[in-house]
């Protein structure tokens, strides 16, 4: 088992859209290398995932070269 699974994860109190009530959320191990800055949270009751902050990416129109 990778070492990141041995770390104690921080819990966050959020409203869960699937449970429809406040629940504890935790950050899962991040395969993208974000560590504690990973934008994903997972509900500890039902597993619903939340993406809190997406990185800004430039948007190109279909006609742009």
C-alpha atoms as a PDB file:
ATOM      1  CA  UNK A   1       0.000   0.000   0.000  1.00  0.00           C
ATOM      2  CA  UNK A   2       1.417   3.452  -0.914  1.00  0.00           C
ATOM      3  CA  UNK A   3       2.621   5.647   1.952  1.00  0.00           C
ATOM      4  CA  UNK A   4      -0.055   8.320   1.313  1.00  0.00           C
ATOM      5  CA  UNK A   5      -2.722   5.872   2.560  1.00  0.00           C
ATOM      6  CA  UNK A   6      -1.016   5.840   5.983  1.00  0.00           C
ATOM      7  CA  UNK A   7      -1.540   9.588   6.478  1.00  0.00           C
ATOM      8  CA  UNK A   8      -4.341  10.845   8.699  1.00  0.00           C
ATOM      9  CA  UNK A   9      -6.683  12.828   6.485  1.00  0.00           C
ATOM     10  CA  UNK A  10      -8.228  16.154   7.582  1.00  0.00           C
ATOM     11  CA  UNK A  11     -12.018  16.203   7.886  1.00  0.00           C
ATOM     12  CA  UNK A  12     -14.178  19.092   6.654  1.00  0.00           C
ATOM     13  CA  UNK A  13     -17.818  19.814   7.479  1.00  0.00           C
ATOM     14  CA  UNK A  14     -19.800  20.428   4.261  1.00  0.00           C
ATOM     15  CA  UNK A  15     -23.363  20.137   3.027  1.00  0.00           C
ATOM     16  CA  UNK A  16     -23.553  16.928   0.992  1.00  0.00           C
ATOM     17  CA  UNK A  17     -25.730  17.167  -2.132  1.00  0.00           C
ATOM     18  CA  UNK A  18     -26.391  13.402  -2.106  1.00  0.00           C
ATOM     19  CA  UNK A  19     -27.150  13.020   1.632  1.00  0.00           C
ATOM     20  CA  UNK A  20     -28.957  16.409   1.636  1.00  0.00           C
ATOM     21  CA  UNK A  21     -27.484  17.311   5.029  1.00  0.00           C
ATOM     22  CA  UNK A  22     -24.187  18.358   6.575  1.00  0.00           C
ATOM     23  CA  UNK A  23     -21.585  15.570   6.613  1.00  0.00           C
ATOM     24  CA  UNK A  24     -17.884  15.088   7.259  1.00  0.00           C
ATOM     25  CA  UNK A  25     -15.762  15.210   4.094  1.00  0.00           C
ATOM     26  CA  UNK A  26     -12.143  14.176   3.662  1.00  0.00           C
ATOM     27  CA  UNK A  27      -9.508  14.637   0.984  1.00  0.00           C
ATOM     28  CA  UNK A  28      -8.696  11.337  -0.717  1.00  0.00           C
ATOM     29  CA  UNK A  29      -5.095  10.508  -1.666  1.00  0.00           C
ATOM     30  CA  UNK A  30      -4.370  12.677  -4.715  1.00  0.00           C
ATOM     31  CA  UNK A  31      -2.883  10.923  -7.772  1.00  0.00           C
ATOM     32  CA  UNK A  32      -2.241  14.349  -9.380  1.00  0.00           C
ATOM     33  CA  UNK A  33       0.316  15.373  -6.752  1.00  0.00           C
ATOM     34  CA  UNK A  34      -1.703  18.197  -5.152  1.00  0.00           C
ATOM     35  CA  UNK A  35      -1.243  16.792  -1.641  1.00  0.00           C
ATOM     36  CA  UNK A  36      -3.159  18.826   0.939  1.00  0.00           C
ATOM     37  CA  UNK A  37      -4.104  21.344  -1.790  1.00  0.00           C
ATOM     38  CA  UNK A  38      -6.118  18.746  -3.735  1.00  0.00           C
ATOM     39  CA  UNK A  39      -9.447  20.303  -4.794  1.00  0.00           C
ATOM     40  CA  UNK A  40     -11.396  17.057  -4.245  1.00  0.00           C
ATOM     41  CA  UNK A  41     -13.391  16.194  -1.126  1.00  0.00           C
ATOM     42  CA  UNK A  42     -15.304  12.950  -0.533  1.00  0.00           C
ATOM     43  CA  UNK A  43     -18.302  12.492   1.792  1.00  0.00           C
ATOM     44  CA  UNK A  44     -17.414   9.970   4.494  1.00  0.00           C
ATOM     45  CA  UNK A  45     -21.055   8.820   4.685  1.00  0.00           C
ATOM     46  CA  UNK A  46     -21.960   8.168   1.029  1.00  0.00           C
ATOM     47  CA  UNK A  47     -18.804   8.731  -1.059  1.00  0.00           C
ATOM     48  CA  UNK A  48     -20.159  11.712  -3.014  1.00  0.00           C
ATOM     49  CA  UNK A  49     -17.232  13.717  -4.414  1.00  0.00           C
ATOM     50  CA  UNK A  50     -16.994  17.515  -4.526  1.00  0.00           C
ATOM     51  CA  UNK A  51     -14.565  19.478  -6.672  1.00  0.00           C
ATOM     52  CA  UNK A  52     -13.933  22.715  -4.778  1.00  0.00           C
ATOM     53  CA  UNK A  53     -11.617  24.701  -7.005  1.00  0.00           C
ATOM     54  CA  UNK A  54     -10.718  24.006 -10.584  1.00  0.00           C
ATOM     55  CA  UNK A  55      -7.536  25.410 -12.117  1.00  0.00           C
ATOM     56  CA  UNK A  56      -8.054  28.147 -14.691  1.00  0.00           C
ATOM     57  CA  UNK A  57      -7.393  27.028 -18.248  1.00  0.00           C
ATOM     58  CA  UNK A  58      -7.351  29.212 -21.339  1.00  0.00           C
ATOM     59  CA  UNK A  59     -10.361  28.739 -23.563  1.00  0.00           C
ATOM     60  CA  UNK A  60      -9.976  28.816 -27.339  1.00  0.00           C
ATOM     61  CA  UNK A  61     -12.784  29.308 -29.747  1.00  0.00           C
ATOM     62  CA  UNK A  62     -13.299  26.682 -32.436  1.00  0.00           C
ATOM     63  CA  UNK A  63     -12.009  29.071 -35.103  1.00  0.00           C
ATOM     64  CA  UNK A  64      -8.821  30.130 -33.296  1.00  0.00           C
ATOM     65  CA  UNK A  65      -5.558  28.952 -34.753  1.00  0.00           C
END
